[in-house]
Amino acid sequence: MNGFFGDSGLLDHMVLRPLAHVRGGWELSWDGKSNSYEEEPDSFAGLLNGLIAEVAAIDPPTRYHDSEDRLAEYVQKNLNWGVYKVGTRWMGADYDAILEQGSFGDIDQGELLLAAAGRIRAAQDRGQLRFDDMEASHQRMLAAVLSIVLWQRDAWD
């Protein structure tokens, strides 16, 4: 999994920069010797390294959208947001926000982690072997899922 995320030119901008209001050190430096991101004060690098290892240990689902659907269904049933599904898309609110709010009912962020692992598998199955090489919309959604996990873990620890 470090090969997928390692030495990325986009990961910090897409995953950590949106969290710069929480921790100012959002820029990442890759350490080729340890094969991980350098942990620095006021940075999410340590949490991100742990998250990468955690996602690597997951057997990815072939239908990662099912995990995301369960998060959206939580919002639909419990938060009265008026979200609804048309075909394969959730409507009525920003999809990132739907996943974020739905994940508050997600025990140990299990659905988010399955969605991340599934998105990575889908990218790799399509020959996109690095985060930086992913198709743009899927890359953005994977980044959003990772940001949500990191933000929640930082807020709850």
N, C-alpha and C. Protein backbone atom coordinates (compact mmCIF):
# COMPACT_ATOMS: atom_id res chain seq x y z
N MET A 1 0.83 -1.20 0.00
CA MET A 1 0.00 0.00 0.00
C MET A 1 0.88 1.26 0.00
N ASN A 2 2.07 1.17 0.60
CA ASN A 2 2.95 2.33 0.58
C ASN A 2 3.33 2.69 -0.85
N GLY A 3 3.41 1.69 -1.73
CA GLY A 3 3.69 1.96 -3.13
C GLY A 3 2.57 2.76 -3.78
N PHE A 4 1.36 2.53 -3.35
CA PHE A 4 0.21 3.26 -3.91
C PHE A 4 0.21 4.72 -3.44
N PHE A 5 0.49 4.93 -2.16
CA PHE A 5 0.42 6.28 -1.59
C PHE A 5 1.78 6.98 -1.50
N GLY A 6 2.87 6.22 -1.58
CA GLY A 6 4.19 6.76 -1.30
C GLY A 6 4.66 7.84 -2.26
N ASP A 7 5.35 8.81 -1.68
CA ASP A 7 5.98 9.90 -2.43
C ASP A 7 5.02 10.57 -3.41
N SER A 8 3.80 10.75 -2.96
CA SER A 8 2.76 11.35 -3.79
C SER A 8 2.93 12.86 -3.87
N GLY A 9 2.66 13.39 -5.03
CA GLY A 9 2.67 14.84 -5.20
C GLY A 9 1.31 15.47 -4.92
N LEU A 10 0.28 14.64 -4.76
CA LEU A 10 -1.08 15.15 -4.59
C LEU A 10 -1.71 14.82 -3.25
N LEU A 11 -1.25 13.77 -2.59
CA LEU A 11 -1.91 13.27 -1.39
C LEU A 11 -2.06 14.33 -0.31
N ASP A 12 -0.98 15.04 -0.01
CA ASP A 12 -1.08 16.04 1.06
C ASP A 12 -2.03 17.17 0.69
N HIS A 13 -1.99 17.60 -0.55
CA HIS A 13 -2.87 18.68 -0.97
C HIS A 13 -4.35 18.26 -0.91
N MET A 14 -4.63 17.03 -1.32
CA MET A 14 -6.02 16.59 -1.41
C MET A 14 -6.57 16.04 -0.10
N VAL A 15 -5.74 15.42 0.73
CA VAL A 15 -6.21 14.79 1.96
C VAL A 15 -5.97 15.66 3.18
N LEU A 16 -4.79 16.26 3.27
CA LEU A 16 -4.43 16.98 4.50
C LEU A 16 -4.68 18.49 4.45
N ARG A 17 -4.55 19.09 3.30
CA ARG A 17 -4.77 20.54 3.23
C ARG A 17 -6.17 20.94 3.70
N PRO A 18 -7.22 20.16 3.37
CA PRO A 18 -8.54 20.51 3.89
C PRO A 18 -8.61 20.47 5.42
N LEU A 19 -7.63 19.86 6.06
CA LEU A 19 -7.59 19.77 7.52
C LEU A 19 -6.59 20.74 8.13
N ALA A 20 -6.09 21.67 7.34
CA ALA A 20 -5.07 22.61 7.81
C ALA A 20 -5.57 23.49 8.96
N HIS A 21 -6.87 23.66 9.08
CA HIS A 21 -7.41 24.44 10.19
C HIS A 21 -7.32 23.67 11.51
N VAL A 22 -7.10 22.34 11.42
CA VAL A 22 -6.98 21.50 12.61
C VAL A 22 -5.51 21.34 13.00
N ARG A 23 -4.70 21.01 12.01
CA ARG A 23 -3.25 20.87 12.19
C ARG A 23 -2.59 21.57 11.02
N GLY A 24 -1.75 22.55 11.33
CA GLY A 24 -1.16 23.39 10.29
C GLY A 24 -0.15 22.68 9.41
N GLY A 25 0.47 21.63 9.89
CA GLY A 25 1.50 20.94 9.11
C GLY A 25 0.90 19.95 8.14
N TRP A 26 0.38 20.44 7.03
CA TRP A 26 -0.32 19.56 6.10
C TRP A 26 0.57 19.05 4.98
N GLU A 27 1.75 19.64 4.79
CA GLU A 27 2.62 19.19 3.72
C GLU A 27 3.41 17.96 4.16
N LEU A 28 3.50 16.99 3.27
CA LEU A 28 4.15 15.72 3.58
C LEU A 28 5.53 15.63 2.95
N SER A 29 6.42 14.92 3.64
CA SER A 29 7.74 14.59 3.10
C SER A 29 7.90 13.08 3.17
N TRP A 30 8.26 12.47 2.05
CA TRP A 30 8.41 11.02 1.99
C TRP A 30 9.81 10.63 2.43
N ASP A 31 9.89 9.64 3.29
CA ASP A 31 11.16 9.09 3.75
C ASP A 31 11.34 7.73 3.08
N GLY A 32 12.19 7.68 2.07
CA GLY A 32 12.40 6.44 1.33
C GLY A 32 13.02 5.33 2.16
N LYS A 33 13.76 5.70 3.19
CA LYS A 33 14.39 4.68 4.03
C LYS A 33 13.35 3.94 4.88
N SER A 34 12.43 4.68 5.48
CA SER A 34 11.40 4.04 6.31
C SER A 34 10.17 3.66 5.50
N ASN A 35 10.13 4.09 4.23
CA ASN A 35 9.00 3.82 3.35
C ASN A 35 7.70 4.35 3.95
N SER A 36 7.77 5.56 4.49
CA SER A 36 6.60 6.20 5.09
C SER A 36 6.79 7.71 5.07
N TYR A 37 5.74 8.42 5.45
CA TYR A 37 5.84 9.88 5.51
C TYR A 37 6.49 10.29 6.84
N GLU A 38 7.34 11.29 6.76
CA GLU A 38 8.03 11.78 7.96
C GLU A 38 7.03 12.40 8.92
N GLU A 39 7.10 11.95 10.16
CA GLU A 39 6.20 12.49 11.18
C GLU A 39 6.81 13.78 11.71
N GLU A 40 6.00 14.81 11.72
CA GLU A 40 6.43 16.13 12.16
C GLU A 40 5.43 16.69 13.15
N PRO A 41 5.86 17.63 13.99
CA PRO A 41 4.91 18.25 14.93
C PRO A 41 3.77 18.94 14.17
N ASP A 42 2.60 18.92 14.76
CA ASP A 42 1.41 19.57 14.22
C ASP A 42 1.06 19.06 12.82
N SER A 43 1.28 17.76 12.60
CA SER A 43 1.04 17.14 11.30
C SER A 43 0.17 15.90 11.46
N PHE A 44 -0.53 15.56 10.41
CA PHE A 44 -1.30 14.32 10.36
C PHE A 44 -0.48 13.16 9.80
N ALA A 45 0.81 13.37 9.54
CA ALA A 45 1.63 12.34 8.89
C ALA A 45 1.61 11.02 9.65
N GLY A 46 1.75 11.06 10.97
CA GLY A 46 1.73 9.83 11.75
C GLY A 46 0.41 9.10 11.64
N LEU A 47 -0.69 9.84 11.78
CA LEU A 47 -2.01 9.22 11.62
C LEU A 47 -2.21 8.69 10.21
N LEU A 48 -1.71 9.41 9.22
CA LEU A 48 -1.84 8.97 7.83
C LEU A 48 -1.05 7.68 7.61
N ASN A 49 0.18 7.61 8.12
CA ASN A 49 0.96 6.38 7.99
C ASN A 49 0.21 5.20 8.60
N GLY A 50 -0.38 5.41 9.77
CA GLY A 50 -1.15 4.35 10.41
C GLY A 50 -2.37 3.97 9.61
N LEU A 51 -3.04 4.95 9.04
CA LEU A 51 -4.23 4.70 8.23
C LEU A 51 -3.87 3.91 6.98
N ILE A 52 -2.76 4.26 6.35
CA ILE A 52 -2.31 3.53 5.16
C ILE A 52 -2.08 2.06 5.51
N ALA A 53 -1.41 1.81 6.63
CA ALA A 53 -1.15 0.43 7.06
C ALA A 53 -2.46 -0.30 7.37
N GLU A 54 -3.39 0.40 8.00
CA GLU A 54 -4.67 -0.21 8.34
C GLU A 54 -5.46 -0.59 7.10
N VAL A 55 -5.50 0.30 6.12
CA VAL A 55 -6.23 0.03 4.89
C VAL A 55 -5.56 -1.12 4.13
N ALA A 56 -4.24 -1.21 4.20
CA ALA A 56 -3.52 -2.28 3.53
C ALA A 56 -3.90 -3.65 4.07
N ALA A 57 -4.30 -3.71 5.33
CA ALA A 57 -4.64 -4.99 5.96
C ALA A 57 -6.08 -5.43 5.70
N ILE A 58 -6.86 -4.60 5.04
CA ILE A 58 -8.27 -4.89 4.78
C ILE A 58 -8.41 -5.67 3.48
N ASP A 59 -9.26 -6.69 3.52
CA ASP A 59 -9.63 -7.39 2.29
C ASP A 59 -10.67 -6.51 1.60
N PRO A 60 -10.31 -5.87 0.50
CA PRO A 60 -11.21 -4.89 -0.10
C PRO A 60 -12.46 -5.53 -0.71
N PRO A 61 -13.58 -4.88 -0.51
CA PRO A 61 -14.81 -5.38 -1.13
C PRO A 61 -14.80 -5.07 -2.63
N THR A 62 -15.49 -5.88 -3.39
CA THR A 62 -15.59 -5.60 -4.82
C THR A 62 -16.63 -4.51 -5.09
N ARG A 63 -17.55 -4.35 -4.17
CA ARG A 63 -18.60 -3.33 -4.33
C ARG A 63 -18.48 -2.29 -3.20
N TYR A 64 -17.46 -1.43 -3.31
CA TYR A 64 -17.22 -0.44 -2.27
C TYR A 64 -18.37 0.55 -2.14
N HIS A 65 -19.14 0.71 -3.21
CA HIS A 65 -20.28 1.64 -3.14
C HIS A 65 -21.30 1.18 -2.11
N ASP A 66 -21.36 -0.12 -1.84
CA ASP A 66 -22.29 -0.62 -0.83
C ASP A 66 -21.97 -0.03 0.54
N SER A 67 -20.69 0.09 0.86
CA SER A 67 -20.29 0.69 2.13
C SER A 67 -20.68 2.16 2.18
N GLU A 68 -20.46 2.87 1.09
CA GLU A 68 -20.84 4.28 1.04
C GLU A 68 -22.36 4.43 1.11
N ASP A 69 -23.08 3.52 0.46
CA ASP A 69 -24.55 3.55 0.51
C ASP A 69 -25.05 3.40 1.94
N ARG A 70 -24.42 2.52 2.72
CA ARG A 70 -24.85 2.33 4.10
C ARG A 70 -24.66 3.61 4.91
N LEU A 71 -23.61 4.36 4.63
CA LEU A 71 -23.41 5.64 5.32
C LEU A 71 -24.49 6.64 4.91
N ALA A 72 -24.78 6.69 3.63
CA ALA A 72 -25.82 7.60 3.14
C ALA A 72 -27.20 7.21 3.68
N GLU A 73 -27.45 5.91 3.76
CA GLU A 73 -28.73 5.45 4.31
C GLU A 73 -28.88 5.85 5.78
N TYR A 74 -27.78 5.86 6.51
CA TYR A 74 -27.82 6.32 7.90
C TYR A 74 -28.28 7.78 7.95
N VAL A 75 -27.71 8.60 7.06
CA VAL A 75 -28.11 10.01 7.00
C VAL A 75 -29.58 10.13 6.64
N GLN A 76 -30.00 9.34 5.66
CA GLN A 76 -31.39 9.38 5.20
C GLN A 76 -32.36 9.00 6.32
N LYS A 77 -32.03 7.98 7.07
CA LYS A 77 -32.94 7.47 8.09
C LYS A 77 -32.87 8.21 9.42
N ASN A 78 -31.72 8.78 9.74
CA ASN A 78 -31.52 9.31 11.08
C ASN A 78 -31.34 10.82 11.18
N LEU A 79 -30.99 11.48 10.09
CA LEU A 79 -30.65 12.89 10.19
C LEU A 79 -31.64 13.82 9.49
N ASN A 80 -32.61 13.26 8.81
CA ASN A 80 -33.64 14.08 8.15
C ASN A 80 -33.06 15.11 7.19
N TRP A 81 -32.06 14.72 6.45
CA TRP A 81 -31.44 15.63 5.48
C TRP A 81 -32.19 15.68 4.15
N GLY A 82 -33.10 14.78 3.94
CA GLY A 82 -33.80 14.75 2.66
C GLY A 82 -32.94 14.22 1.52
N VAL A 83 -31.96 13.40 1.84
CA VAL A 83 -31.14 12.82 0.77
C VAL A 83 -31.88 11.63 0.17
N TYR A 84 -31.63 11.40 -1.09
CA TYR A 84 -32.30 10.33 -1.81
C TYR A 84 -31.38 9.85 -2.93
N LYS A 85 -31.64 8.63 -3.37
CA LYS A 85 -30.79 8.02 -4.38
C LYS A 85 -31.51 8.01 -5.72
N VAL A 86 -30.81 8.45 -6.76
CA VAL A 86 -31.30 8.39 -8.13
C VAL A 86 -30.29 7.53 -8.90
N GLY A 87 -30.73 6.35 -9.28
CA GLY A 87 -29.80 5.42 -9.93
C GLY A 87 -28.72 5.01 -8.94
N THR A 88 -27.48 5.36 -9.24
CA THR A 88 -26.37 5.03 -8.35
C THR A 88 -25.88 6.24 -7.56
N ARG A 89 -26.51 7.40 -7.73
CA ARG A 89 -26.03 8.63 -7.10
C ARG A 89 -26.95 9.11 -5.99
N TRP A 90 -26.32 9.62 -4.95
CA TRP A 90 -27.07 10.22 -3.85
C TRP A 90 -27.22 11.71 -4.11
N MET A 91 -28.43 12.19 -3.92
CA MET A 91 -28.77 13.58 -4.21
C MET A 91 -29.30 14.24 -2.93
N GLY A 92 -29.39 15.56 -2.96
CA GLY A 92 -29.98 16.31 -1.85
C GLY A 92 -28.97 16.96 -0.94
N ALA A 93 -27.69 16.60 -1.06
CA ALA A 93 -26.63 17.20 -0.27
C ALA A 93 -25.30 16.83 -0.90
N ASP A 94 -24.27 17.54 -0.52
CA ASP A 94 -22.92 17.26 -0.99
C ASP A 94 -22.52 15.84 -0.56
N TYR A 95 -22.03 15.04 -1.49
CA TYR A 95 -21.73 13.64 -1.21
C TYR A 95 -20.68 13.48 -0.11
N ASP A 96 -19.66 14.34 -0.11
CA ASP A 96 -18.65 14.29 0.95
C ASP A 96 -19.30 14.50 2.31
N ALA A 97 -20.21 15.46 2.39
CA ALA A 97 -20.89 15.75 3.66
C ALA A 97 -21.79 14.59 4.07
N ILE A 98 -22.43 13.95 3.10
CA ILE A 98 -23.26 12.79 3.41
C ILE A 98 -22.41 11.70 4.04
N LEU A 99 -21.25 11.41 3.43
CA LEU A 99 -20.37 10.37 3.97
C LEU A 99 -19.85 10.76 5.35
N GLU A 100 -19.48 12.01 5.51
CA GLU A 100 -18.97 12.46 6.80
C GLU A 100 -20.02 12.31 7.89
N GLN A 101 -21.21 12.79 7.64
CA GLN A 101 -22.26 12.70 8.65
C GLN A 101 -22.71 11.26 8.88
N GLY A 102 -22.77 10.48 7.82
CA GLY A 102 -23.14 9.08 7.96
C GLY A 102 -22.12 8.29 8.76
N SER A 103 -20.88 8.70 8.70
CA SER A 103 -19.83 7.96 9.40
C SER A 103 -19.89 8.14 10.91
N PHE A 104 -20.66 9.09 11.40
CA PHE A 104 -20.81 9.23 12.84
C PHE A 104 -21.58 8.05 13.43
N GLY A 105 -22.31 7.34 12.58
CA GLY A 105 -22.98 6.13 13.01
C GLY A 105 -22.22 4.87 12.62
N ASP A 106 -21.01 5.03 12.16
CA ASP A 106 -20.18 3.95 11.62
C ASP A 106 -19.20 3.48 12.70
N ILE A 107 -19.45 2.31 13.25
CA ILE A 107 -18.61 1.81 14.34
C ILE A 107 -17.19 1.62 13.86
N ASP A 108 -16.25 2.26 14.55
CA ASP A 108 -14.82 2.20 14.23
C ASP A 108 -14.52 2.56 12.78
N GLN A 109 -15.38 3.32 12.16
CA GLN A 109 -15.22 3.78 10.78
C GLN A 109 -15.07 2.63 9.80
N GLY A 110 -15.69 1.51 10.12
CA GLY A 110 -15.58 0.31 9.30
C GLY A 110 -16.03 0.49 7.87
N GLU A 111 -17.16 1.16 7.65
CA GLU A 111 -17.65 1.37 6.29
C GLU A 111 -16.73 2.30 5.51
N LEU A 112 -16.22 3.35 6.16
CA LEU A 112 -15.29 4.25 5.49
C LEU A 112 -14.02 3.51 5.08
N LEU A 113 -13.51 2.68 5.95
CA LEU A 113 -12.28 1.94 5.65
C LEU A 113 -12.51 0.95 4.52
N LEU A 114 -13.66 0.28 4.51
CA LEU A 114 -13.98 -0.63 3.41
C LEU A 114 -14.11 0.15 2.10
N ALA A 115 -14.74 1.32 2.16
CA ALA A 115 -14.88 2.14 0.95
C ALA A 115 -13.50 2.55 0.43
N ALA A 116 -12.60 2.95 1.32
CA ALA A 116 -11.25 3.34 0.90
C ALA A 116 -10.53 2.16 0.26
N ALA A 117 -10.55 1.01 0.92
CA ALA A 117 -9.87 -0.17 0.39
C ALA A 117 -10.47 -0.58 -0.96
N GLY A 118 -11.78 -0.50 -1.07
CA GLY A 118 -12.44 -0.85 -2.32
C GLY A 118 -12.10 0.10 -3.45
N ARG A 119 -12.04 1.39 -3.14
CA ARG A 119 -11.67 2.37 -4.17
C ARG A 119 -10.24 2.15 -4.65
N ILE A 120 -9.35 1.80 -3.73
CA ILE A 120 -7.95 1.53 -4.11
C ILE A 120 -7.89 0.29 -5.00
N ARG A 121 -8.60 -0.76 -4.60
CA ARG A 121 -8.62 -1.98 -5.42
C ARG A 121 -9.16 -1.70 -6.81
N ALA A 122 -10.24 -0.93 -6.89
CA ALA A 122 -10.82 -0.61 -8.19
C ALA A 122 -9.82 0.16 -9.06
N ALA A 123 -9.10 1.09 -8.46
CA ALA A 123 -8.08 1.83 -9.21
C ALA A 123 -6.99 0.89 -9.71
N GLN A 124 -6.50 0.04 -8.84
CA GLN A 124 -5.44 -0.88 -9.22
C GLN A 124 -5.91 -1.86 -10.30
N ASP A 125 -7.15 -2.31 -10.20
CA ASP A 125 -7.70 -3.20 -11.22
C ASP A 125 -7.75 -2.52 -12.59
N ARG A 126 -7.78 -1.20 -12.59
CA ARG A 126 -7.82 -0.44 -13.84
C ARG A 126 -6.44 0.06 -14.25
N GLY A 127 -5.39 -0.46 -13.59
CA GLY A 127 -4.02 -0.09 -13.95
C GLY A 127 -3.55 1.22 -13.35
N GLN A 128 -4.32 1.77 -12.42
CA GLN A 128 -3.93 3.02 -11.75
C GLN A 128 -3.23 2.61 -10.45
N LEU A 129 -1.92 2.45 -10.51
CA LEU A 129 -1.17 1.82 -9.44
C LEU A 129 -0.69 2.78 -8.36
N ARG A 130 -0.92 4.07 -8.56
CA ARG A 130 -0.55 5.07 -7.56
C ARG A 130 -1.70 6.05 -7.38
N PHE A 131 -1.77 6.63 -6.19
CA PHE A 131 -2.81 7.62 -5.91
C PHE A 131 -2.79 8.72 -6.97
N ASP A 132 -1.60 9.18 -7.32
CA ASP A 132 -1.47 10.29 -8.27
C ASP A 132 -1.98 9.93 -9.66
N ASP A 133 -2.09 8.64 -9.96
CA ASP A 133 -2.52 8.19 -11.28
C ASP A 133 -4.01 7.87 -11.36
N MET A 134 -4.72 8.00 -10.26
CA MET A 134 -6.14 7.66 -10.25
C MET A 134 -6.96 8.58 -11.13
N GLU A 135 -8.06 8.07 -11.63
CA GLU A 135 -9.04 8.89 -12.34
C GLU A 135 -9.50 9.98 -11.38
N ALA A 136 -9.63 11.20 -11.85
CA ALA A 136 -9.79 12.38 -10.99
C ALA A 136 -10.97 12.30 -10.03
N SER A 137 -12.14 11.89 -10.47
CA SER A 137 -13.29 11.90 -9.56
C SER A 137 -13.16 10.83 -8.48
N HIS A 138 -12.60 9.69 -8.83
CA HIS A 138 -12.39 8.63 -7.82
C HIS A 138 -11.26 9.02 -6.86
N GLN A 139 -10.27 9.69 -7.39
CA GLN A 139 -9.17 10.18 -6.55
C GLN A 139 -9.70 11.19 -5.52
N ARG A 140 -10.55 12.08 -5.98
CA ARG A 140 -11.13 13.09 -5.08
C ARG A 140 -11.96 12.44 -4.00
N MET A 141 -12.74 11.41 -4.36
CA MET A 141 -13.58 10.75 -3.35
C MET A 141 -12.74 9.95 -2.37
N LEU A 142 -11.69 9.28 -2.84
CA LEU A 142 -10.81 8.57 -1.92
C LEU A 142 -10.16 9.56 -0.97
N ALA A 143 -9.74 10.69 -1.48
CA ALA A 143 -9.13 11.73 -0.63
C ALA A 143 -10.13 12.20 0.42
N ALA A 144 -11.38 12.40 0.02
CA ALA A 144 -12.40 12.84 0.97
C ALA A 144 -12.61 11.80 2.07
N VAL A 145 -12.68 10.53 1.69
CA VAL A 145 -12.87 9.46 2.68
C VAL A 145 -11.70 9.46 3.66
N LEU A 146 -10.48 9.56 3.16
CA LEU A 146 -9.30 9.57 4.04
C LEU A 146 -9.30 10.79 4.95
N SER A 147 -9.68 11.94 4.43
CA SER A 147 -9.76 13.16 5.25
C SER A 147 -10.77 13.01 6.38
N ILE A 148 -11.91 12.42 6.06
CA ILE A 148 -12.94 12.22 7.08
C ILE A 148 -12.40 11.34 8.20
N VAL A 149 -11.76 10.23 7.83
CA VAL A 149 -11.21 9.32 8.84
C VAL A 149 -10.19 10.05 9.71
N LEU A 150 -9.27 10.76 9.10
CA LEU A 150 -8.22 11.45 9.87
C LEU A 150 -8.81 12.52 10.77
N TRP A 151 -9.77 13.28 10.27
CA TRP A 151 -10.38 14.34 11.07
C TRP A 151 -11.08 13.76 12.27
N GLN A 152 -11.85 12.70 12.04
CA GLN A 152 -12.58 12.10 13.16
C GLN A 152 -11.63 11.49 14.18
N ARG A 153 -10.61 10.82 13.71
CA ARG A 153 -9.67 10.22 14.65
C ARG A 153 -8.93 11.28 15.46
N ASP A 154 -8.59 12.37 14.83
CA ASP A 154 -7.92 13.45 15.56
C ASP A 154 -8.86 14.08 16.57
N ALA A 155 -10.12 14.24 16.20
CA ALA A 155 -11.09 14.88 17.07
C ALA A 155 -11.45 13.99 18.26
N TRP A 156 -11.44 12.68 18.07
CA TRP A 156 -11.87 11.75 19.12
C TRP A 156 -10.75 11.28 20.01
N ASP A 157 -9.50 11.45 19.59
CA ASP A 157 -8.38 10.98 20.41
C ASP A 157 -7.91 12.03 21.39
